[in-house]
């Protein structure tokens, strides 16, 4: 089990460190996502691993004091408009998650990835790591300015 996790983590790091969108990078990220979360939707998991996991970690737990967890986060699992707005437009300032304060900058992704990719990654995080919410549609993402 530790070997599988280490292998998956190695694949994630390799895929992220290249920062490219080539087929090998996508395949490695998808394989790592599948190993980390077998129930994952591969498109959303790949987007997450390529763009989000370096801060929020592959397990969605974030980094204490630096990057908030997405796992069991009420903003992630609550009204989808809130999480869509954060991913699209970014967020700056103090927030509290699970009683811990975070003060940093979440970048806006609307010019970096497509609305379809935003829908996929939000659907992934809303259904992963014991987050038991519904995914979001492309039309929901497009409705948020």
N, C-alpha and C. Protein backbone atom coordinates (compact mmCIF):
# COMPACT_ATOMS: atom_id res chain seq x y z
N UNK A 1 0.82 -1.19 0.00
CA UNK A 1 0.00 0.00 0.00
C UNK A 1 0.87 1.25 0.00
N UNK A 2 1.91 1.28 0.84
CA UNK A 2 2.79 2.44 0.86
C UNK A 2 3.49 2.62 -0.48
N UNK A 3 3.87 1.50 -1.11
CA UNK A 3 4.53 1.58 -2.39
C UNK A 3 3.59 2.19 -3.43
N UNK A 4 2.31 1.75 -3.42
CA UNK A 4 1.34 2.27 -4.38
C UNK A 4 1.14 3.77 -4.17
N UNK A 5 1.05 4.19 -2.92
CA UNK A 5 0.90 5.62 -2.63
C UNK A 5 2.13 6.38 -3.08
N UNK A 6 3.30 5.86 -2.79
CA UNK A 6 4.54 6.52 -3.19
C UNK A 6 4.63 6.61 -4.71
N UNK A 7 4.23 5.54 -5.39
CA UNK A 7 4.25 5.55 -6.85
C UNK A 7 3.27 6.59 -7.37
N UNK A 8 2.06 6.64 -6.81
CA UNK A 8 1.07 7.62 -7.23
C UNK A 8 1.58 9.04 -6.98
N UNK A 9 2.16 9.26 -5.82
CA UNK A 9 2.69 10.57 -5.50
C UNK A 9 3.81 10.95 -6.45
N UNK A 10 4.66 10.00 -6.75
CA UNK A 10 5.74 10.25 -7.71
C UNK A 10 5.21 10.63 -9.07
N UNK A 11 4.16 9.95 -9.50
CA UNK A 11 3.55 10.28 -10.79
C UNK A 11 2.95 11.68 -10.76
N UNK A 12 2.31 12.03 -9.66
CA UNK A 12 1.73 13.36 -9.53
C UNK A 12 2.82 14.41 -9.60
N UNK A 13 3.86 14.22 -8.82
CA UNK A 13 4.94 15.21 -8.80
C UNK A 13 5.60 15.33 -10.16
N UNK A 14 5.79 14.21 -10.82
CA UNK A 14 6.39 14.24 -12.15
C UNK A 14 5.50 14.99 -13.12
N UNK A 15 4.21 14.73 -13.07
CA UNK A 15 3.28 15.39 -13.97
C UNK A 15 3.22 16.89 -13.68
N UNK A 16 3.16 17.26 -12.41
CA UNK A 16 3.07 18.67 -12.05
C UNK A 16 4.36 19.42 -12.33
N UNK A 17 5.49 18.79 -12.13
CA UNK A 17 6.75 19.48 -12.30
C UNK A 17 7.01 19.84 -13.75
N UNK A 18 6.48 19.04 -14.66
CA UNK A 18 6.67 19.36 -16.07
C UNK A 18 5.80 20.53 -16.47
N UNK A 19 4.60 20.62 -15.88
CA UNK A 19 3.71 21.72 -16.17
C UNK A 19 3.21 21.75 -17.60
N UNK A 20 3.39 20.68 -18.35
CA UNK A 20 2.96 20.66 -19.73
C UNK A 20 1.62 19.99 -19.85
N UNK A 21 1.01 20.15 -21.01
CA UNK A 21 -0.29 19.54 -21.26
C UNK A 21 -0.16 18.37 -22.21
N UNK A 22 1.03 17.79 -22.31
CA UNK A 22 1.20 16.68 -23.24
C UNK A 22 0.47 15.42 -22.76
N UNK A 23 0.33 14.48 -23.67
CA UNK A 23 -0.43 13.25 -23.38
C UNK A 23 0.18 12.46 -22.24
N UNK A 24 1.50 12.41 -22.15
CA UNK A 24 2.15 11.66 -21.06
C UNK A 24 1.85 12.27 -19.71
N UNK A 25 1.87 13.59 -19.63
CA UNK A 25 1.56 14.28 -18.38
C UNK A 25 0.13 13.99 -17.94
N UNK A 26 -0.79 14.07 -18.88
CA UNK A 26 -2.20 13.82 -18.57
C UNK A 26 -2.42 12.36 -18.16
N UNK A 27 -1.76 11.45 -18.85
CA UNK A 27 -1.91 10.03 -18.51
C UNK A 27 -1.36 9.74 -17.12
N UNK A 28 -0.21 10.33 -16.80
CA UNK A 28 0.38 10.12 -15.48
C UNK A 28 -0.50 10.70 -14.39
N UNK A 29 -1.05 11.90 -14.63
CA UNK A 29 -1.93 12.53 -13.65
C UNK A 29 -3.21 11.71 -13.46
N UNK A 30 -3.76 11.20 -14.55
CA UNK A 30 -4.97 10.39 -14.44
C UNK A 30 -4.70 9.10 -13.69
N UNK A 31 -3.55 8.47 -13.95
CA UNK A 31 -3.20 7.23 -13.24
C UNK A 31 -3.01 7.50 -11.75
N UNK A 32 -2.35 8.61 -11.42
CA UNK A 32 -2.14 8.96 -10.02
C UNK A 32 -3.47 9.25 -9.34
N UNK A 33 -4.36 9.95 -10.03
CA UNK A 33 -5.68 10.25 -9.46
C UNK A 33 -6.45 8.96 -9.21
N UNK A 34 -6.40 8.05 -10.16
CA UNK A 34 -7.11 6.80 -10.01
C UNK A 34 -6.56 6.01 -8.82
N UNK A 35 -5.24 6.02 -8.63
CA UNK A 35 -4.64 5.32 -7.50
C UNK A 35 -5.02 5.97 -6.18
N UNK A 36 -5.09 7.30 -6.18
CA UNK A 36 -5.40 8.05 -4.96
C UNK A 36 -6.88 7.98 -4.61
N UNK A 37 -7.73 7.99 -5.62
CA UNK A 37 -9.17 8.02 -5.40
C UNK A 37 -9.83 7.23 -6.53
N UNK A 38 -9.98 5.92 -6.38
CA UNK A 38 -10.50 5.09 -7.46
C UNK A 38 -11.87 5.51 -7.98
N UNK A 39 -12.65 6.23 -7.20
CA UNK A 39 -13.98 6.66 -7.65
C UNK A 39 -13.93 7.97 -8.41
N UNK A 40 -12.75 8.51 -8.65
CA UNK A 40 -12.62 9.83 -9.25
C UNK A 40 -13.07 9.84 -10.70
N UNK A 41 -13.58 10.98 -11.10
CA UNK A 41 -13.85 11.24 -12.51
C UNK A 41 -12.52 11.68 -13.10
N UNK A 42 -12.02 10.97 -14.08
CA UNK A 42 -10.65 11.20 -14.53
C UNK A 42 -10.41 12.61 -15.06
N UNK A 43 -11.38 13.22 -15.74
CA UNK A 43 -11.15 14.57 -16.25
C UNK A 43 -10.99 15.57 -15.12
N UNK A 44 -11.89 15.54 -14.15
CA UNK A 44 -11.80 16.46 -13.02
C UNK A 44 -10.58 16.18 -12.15
N UNK A 45 -10.26 14.90 -11.98
CA UNK A 45 -9.09 14.54 -11.19
C UNK A 45 -7.81 15.02 -11.86
N UNK A 46 -7.76 14.90 -13.17
CA UNK A 46 -6.57 15.35 -13.90
C UNK A 46 -6.41 16.86 -13.78
N UNK A 47 -7.50 17.60 -13.95
CA UNK A 47 -7.45 19.06 -13.79
C UNK A 47 -6.98 19.40 -12.38
N UNK A 48 -7.53 18.69 -11.38
CA UNK A 48 -7.15 18.94 -9.98
C UNK A 48 -5.66 18.69 -9.78
N UNK A 49 -5.18 17.56 -10.23
CA UNK A 49 -3.78 17.22 -10.01
C UNK A 49 -2.83 18.18 -10.74
N UNK A 50 -3.23 18.64 -11.90
CA UNK A 50 -2.37 19.55 -12.66
C UNK A 50 -2.38 20.97 -12.12
N UNK A 51 -3.47 21.38 -11.46
CA UNK A 51 -3.61 22.79 -11.11
C UNK A 51 -3.83 23.09 -9.63
N UNK A 52 -4.31 22.14 -8.86
CA UNK A 52 -4.75 22.43 -7.50
C UNK A 52 -3.99 21.67 -6.41
N UNK A 53 -3.52 20.48 -6.74
CA UNK A 53 -2.97 19.60 -5.71
C UNK A 53 -1.67 20.10 -5.09
N UNK A 54 -0.94 20.95 -5.78
CA UNK A 54 0.30 21.43 -5.18
C UNK A 54 0.02 22.27 -3.93
N UNK A 55 -1.14 22.91 -3.86
CA UNK A 55 -1.52 23.66 -2.67
C UNK A 55 -2.45 22.85 -1.76
N UNK A 56 -3.50 22.31 -2.34
CA UNK A 56 -4.52 21.63 -1.54
C UNK A 56 -4.22 20.15 -1.31
N UNK A 57 -3.14 19.66 -1.87
CA UNK A 57 -2.64 18.29 -1.71
C UNK A 57 -3.51 17.26 -2.43
N UNK A 58 -2.93 16.13 -2.76
CA UNK A 58 -3.66 15.10 -3.50
C UNK A 58 -4.81 14.52 -2.69
N UNK A 59 -4.72 14.60 -1.37
CA UNK A 59 -5.79 14.06 -0.52
C UNK A 59 -6.81 15.11 -0.11
N UNK A 60 -6.69 16.33 -0.62
CA UNK A 60 -7.64 17.39 -0.31
C UNK A 60 -7.51 17.98 1.07
N UNK A 61 -6.47 17.61 1.81
CA UNK A 61 -6.33 18.06 3.20
C UNK A 61 -5.63 19.42 3.34
N UNK A 62 -5.12 19.98 2.26
CA UNK A 62 -4.45 21.27 2.33
C UNK A 62 -3.17 21.20 3.14
N UNK A 63 -2.65 22.37 3.50
CA UNK A 63 -1.44 22.48 4.32
C UNK A 63 -1.78 23.41 5.47
N UNK A 64 -1.67 22.90 6.69
CA UNK A 64 -2.04 23.66 7.88
C UNK A 64 -1.42 25.05 7.88
N UNK A 65 -2.25 26.06 8.08
CA UNK A 65 -1.79 27.43 8.17
C UNK A 65 -1.49 28.09 6.84
N UNK A 66 -1.46 27.32 5.76
CA UNK A 66 -1.11 27.90 4.46
C UNK A 66 -2.23 27.76 3.43
N UNK A 67 -2.69 26.54 3.21
CA UNK A 67 -3.69 26.27 2.20
C UNK A 67 -4.83 25.47 2.82
N UNK A 68 -6.05 25.97 2.75
CA UNK A 68 -7.17 25.31 3.43
C UNK A 68 -7.51 23.95 2.82
N UNK A 69 -8.04 23.07 3.64
CA UNK A 69 -8.49 21.78 3.13
C UNK A 69 -9.74 21.93 2.28
N UNK A 70 -9.87 21.07 1.31
CA UNK A 70 -11.10 20.97 0.53
C UNK A 70 -11.95 19.81 1.03
N UNK A 71 -11.30 18.87 1.68
CA UNK A 71 -11.99 17.72 2.25
C UNK A 71 -12.88 18.17 3.40
N UNK A 72 -14.14 17.80 3.33
CA UNK A 72 -15.13 18.11 4.37
C UNK A 72 -15.23 19.62 4.64
N UNK A 73 -14.98 20.41 3.62
CA UNK A 73 -15.05 21.86 3.73
C UNK A 73 -16.47 22.30 3.37
N UNK A 74 -17.18 22.96 4.28
CA UNK A 74 -18.57 23.33 4.03
C UNK A 74 -18.75 24.29 2.84
N UNK A 75 -17.75 25.08 2.52
CA UNK A 75 -17.87 25.95 1.34
C UNK A 75 -17.84 25.10 0.07
N UNK A 76 -17.01 24.08 0.06
CA UNK A 76 -16.92 23.18 -1.09
C UNK A 76 -18.21 22.39 -1.25
N UNK A 77 -18.75 21.91 -0.14
CA UNK A 77 -19.91 21.02 -0.20
C UNK A 77 -21.25 21.75 -0.14
N UNK A 78 -21.22 23.04 0.15
CA UNK A 78 -22.46 23.81 0.27
C UNK A 78 -22.97 24.29 -1.07
N UNK A 79 -23.48 25.50 -1.09
CA UNK A 79 -24.04 26.09 -2.29
C UNK A 79 -22.97 26.10 -3.39
N UNK A 80 -23.23 25.45 -4.53
CA UNK A 80 -22.21 25.36 -5.57
C UNK A 80 -21.80 26.71 -6.14
N UNK A 81 -22.66 27.71 -6.07
CA UNK A 81 -22.32 29.03 -6.60
C UNK A 81 -21.10 29.60 -5.88
N UNK A 82 -21.00 29.37 -4.59
CA UNK A 82 -19.88 29.91 -3.82
C UNK A 82 -18.55 29.31 -4.27
N UNK A 83 -18.49 28.01 -4.40
CA UNK A 83 -17.23 27.39 -4.80
C UNK A 83 -16.91 27.69 -6.26
N UNK A 84 -17.92 27.78 -7.11
CA UNK A 84 -17.69 28.16 -8.51
C UNK A 84 -17.08 29.55 -8.56
N UNK A 85 -17.64 30.50 -7.80
CA UNK A 85 -17.13 31.87 -7.79
C UNK A 85 -15.69 31.92 -7.30
N UNK A 86 -15.36 31.12 -6.30
CA UNK A 86 -13.99 31.11 -5.78
C UNK A 86 -13.03 30.57 -6.82
N UNK A 87 -13.37 29.48 -7.46
CA UNK A 87 -12.47 28.90 -8.46
C UNK A 87 -12.33 29.83 -9.66
N UNK A 88 -13.43 30.39 -10.13
CA UNK A 88 -13.36 31.27 -11.29
C UNK A 88 -12.65 32.59 -10.99
N UNK A 89 -13.01 33.22 -9.88
CA UNK A 89 -12.58 34.59 -9.61
C UNK A 89 -11.52 34.74 -8.54
N UNK A 90 -11.18 33.65 -7.88
CA UNK A 90 -10.18 33.71 -6.83
C UNK A 90 -10.76 34.20 -5.52
N UNK A 91 -9.91 34.25 -4.52
CA UNK A 91 -10.33 34.66 -3.18
C UNK A 91 -9.11 35.21 -2.46
N UNK A 92 -9.31 36.33 -1.78
CA UNK A 92 -8.22 36.92 -1.01
C UNK A 92 -8.75 37.34 0.35
N UNK A 93 -7.94 37.11 1.38
CA UNK A 93 -8.33 37.51 2.72
C UNK A 93 -8.43 36.32 3.65
N UNK A 94 -8.84 36.61 4.86
CA UNK A 94 -8.90 35.59 5.91
C UNK A 94 -10.16 34.74 5.76
N UNK A 95 -9.97 33.43 5.87
CA UNK A 95 -11.09 32.49 5.94
C UNK A 95 -10.80 31.52 7.08
N UNK A 96 -11.84 30.89 7.58
CA UNK A 96 -11.69 29.90 8.64
C UNK A 96 -12.32 28.60 8.15
N UNK A 97 -11.54 27.51 8.22
CA UNK A 97 -12.02 26.19 7.84
C UNK A 97 -11.68 25.24 8.96
N UNK A 98 -12.66 24.52 9.46
CA UNK A 98 -12.49 23.57 10.56
C UNK A 98 -11.80 24.21 11.76
N UNK A 99 -12.11 25.48 12.01
CA UNK A 99 -11.56 26.19 13.16
C UNK A 99 -10.17 26.76 12.97
N UNK A 100 -9.57 26.54 11.81
CA UNK A 100 -8.23 27.08 11.53
C UNK A 100 -8.34 28.24 10.55
N UNK A 101 -7.58 29.30 10.84
CA UNK A 101 -7.59 30.48 9.99
C UNK A 101 -6.56 30.36 8.89
N UNK A 102 -6.93 30.86 7.72
CA UNK A 102 -6.04 30.91 6.55
C UNK A 102 -6.14 32.31 5.99
N UNK A 103 -5.02 32.87 5.64
CA UNK A 103 -5.00 34.21 5.05
C UNK A 103 -4.04 34.19 3.89
N UNK A 104 -4.58 34.13 2.73
CA UNK A 104 -3.74 34.05 1.55
C UNK A 104 -4.52 34.44 0.32
N UNK A 105 -4.02 34.00 -0.81
CA UNK A 105 -4.64 34.32 -2.08
C UNK A 105 -4.88 33.04 -2.86
N UNK A 106 -6.12 32.83 -3.23
CA UNK A 106 -6.48 31.77 -4.16
C UNK A 106 -6.55 32.45 -5.52
N UNK A 107 -5.76 32.00 -6.49
CA UNK A 107 -5.79 32.67 -7.79
C UNK A 107 -7.09 32.43 -8.54
N UNK A 108 -7.42 33.36 -9.41
CA UNK A 108 -8.57 33.19 -10.31
C UNK A 108 -8.15 32.25 -11.43
N UNK A 109 -9.00 31.28 -11.73
CA UNK A 109 -8.67 30.30 -12.76
C UNK A 109 -9.41 30.51 -14.07
N UNK A 110 -10.33 31.49 -14.13
CA UNK A 110 -11.17 31.63 -15.31
C UNK A 110 -10.40 31.95 -16.59
N UNK A 111 -9.22 32.48 -16.50
CA UNK A 111 -8.43 32.75 -17.70
C UNK A 111 -7.36 31.68 -17.92
N UNK A 112 -7.26 30.74 -16.99
CA UNK A 112 -6.24 29.70 -17.07
C UNK A 112 -6.79 28.38 -17.59
N UNK A 113 -8.03 28.06 -17.21
CA UNK A 113 -8.67 26.82 -17.65
C UNK A 113 -10.07 27.16 -18.14
N UNK A 114 -10.66 26.26 -18.91
CA UNK A 114 -11.98 26.50 -19.48
C UNK A 114 -13.09 26.33 -18.45
N UNK A 115 -14.27 26.85 -18.77
CA UNK A 115 -15.42 26.65 -17.90
C UNK A 115 -15.73 25.16 -17.76
N UNK A 116 -15.53 24.40 -18.83
CA UNK A 116 -15.76 22.96 -18.76
C UNK A 116 -14.80 22.32 -17.75
N UNK A 117 -13.54 22.71 -17.77
CA UNK A 117 -12.56 22.19 -16.82
C UNK A 117 -12.90 22.62 -15.39
N UNK A 118 -13.41 23.83 -15.24
CA UNK A 118 -13.83 24.29 -13.92
C UNK A 118 -14.97 23.42 -13.41
N UNK A 119 -15.94 23.13 -14.26
CA UNK A 119 -17.05 22.26 -13.87
C UNK A 119 -16.53 20.88 -13.48
N UNK A 120 -15.59 20.35 -14.24
CA UNK A 120 -15.04 19.02 -13.96
C UNK A 120 -14.29 18.99 -12.63
N UNK A 121 -13.45 20.00 -12.38
CA UNK A 121 -12.66 19.98 -11.16
C UNK A 121 -13.54 20.22 -9.94
N UNK A 122 -14.53 21.08 -10.05
CA UNK A 122 -15.43 21.31 -8.92
C UNK A 122 -16.25 20.06 -8.65
N UNK A 123 -16.70 19.40 -9.70
CA UNK A 123 -17.43 18.13 -9.52
C UNK A 123 -16.54 17.12 -8.82
N UNK A 124 -15.28 17.09 -9.20
CA UNK A 124 -14.33 16.17 -8.55
C UNK A 124 -14.17 16.47 -7.06
N UNK A 125 -13.94 17.73 -6.71
CA UNK A 125 -13.70 18.04 -5.30
C UNK A 125 -14.98 17.91 -4.47
N UNK A 126 -16.14 18.12 -5.07
CA UNK A 126 -17.40 18.00 -4.32
C UNK A 126 -17.79 16.54 -4.07
N UNK A 127 -17.14 15.61 -4.77
CA UNK A 127 -17.47 14.19 -4.61
C UNK A 127 -16.30 13.35 -4.09
N UNK A 128 -15.20 13.98 -3.76
CA UNK A 128 -14.01 13.26 -3.28
C UNK A 128 -13.80 13.49 -1.78
N UNK A 129 -13.01 12.64 -1.16
CA UNK A 129 -12.54 12.80 0.22
C UNK A 129 -13.70 12.91 1.22
N UNK A 130 -14.70 12.12 1.07
CA UNK A 130 -15.89 12.14 1.92
C UNK A 130 -16.72 13.40 1.77
N UNK A 131 -16.51 14.14 0.70
CA UNK A 131 -17.41 15.24 0.35
C UNK A 131 -18.55 14.58 -0.42
N UNK A 132 -19.72 14.64 0.11
CA UNK A 132 -20.86 13.94 -0.48
C UNK A 132 -21.85 14.89 -1.12
N UNK A 133 -21.36 15.74 -2.01
CA UNK A 133 -22.23 16.68 -2.71
C UNK A 133 -22.34 16.29 -4.17
N UNK A 134 -23.26 16.93 -4.85
CA UNK A 134 -23.43 16.69 -6.28
C UNK A 134 -22.40 17.50 -7.06
N UNK A 135 -22.07 17.00 -8.24
CA UNK A 135 -21.21 17.75 -9.13
C UNK A 135 -21.92 18.98 -9.66
N UNK A 136 -21.22 19.74 -10.46
CA UNK A 136 -21.81 20.93 -11.07
C UNK A 136 -21.75 20.78 -12.59
N UNK A 137 -22.63 21.49 -13.26
CA UNK A 137 -22.70 21.43 -14.71
C UNK A 137 -21.98 22.61 -15.34
N UNK A 138 -21.72 22.48 -16.61
CA UNK A 138 -21.12 23.58 -17.36
C UNK A 138 -22.02 24.81 -17.30
N UNK A 139 -23.32 24.61 -17.43
CA UNK A 139 -24.24 25.76 -17.40
C UNK A 139 -24.21 26.47 -16.05
N UNK A 140 -24.02 25.73 -14.94
CA UNK A 140 -23.89 26.38 -13.62
C UNK A 140 -22.63 27.24 -13.57
N UNK A 141 -21.55 26.73 -14.12
CA UNK A 141 -20.29 27.49 -14.12
C UNK A 141 -20.44 28.72 -15.01
N UNK A 142 -21.03 28.57 -16.18
CA UNK A 142 -21.20 29.71 -17.10
C UNK A 142 -22.10 30.78 -16.50
N UNK A 143 -23.00 30.41 -15.60
CA UNK A 143 -23.92 31.38 -15.00
C UNK A 143 -23.25 32.28 -13.96
N UNK A 144 -22.08 31.90 -13.50
CA UNK A 144 -21.36 32.71 -12.50
C UNK A 144 -20.38 33.62 -13.23
N UNK A 145 -20.54 34.93 -13.07
CA UNK A 145 -19.64 35.87 -13.77
C UNK A 145 -18.22 35.82 -13.27
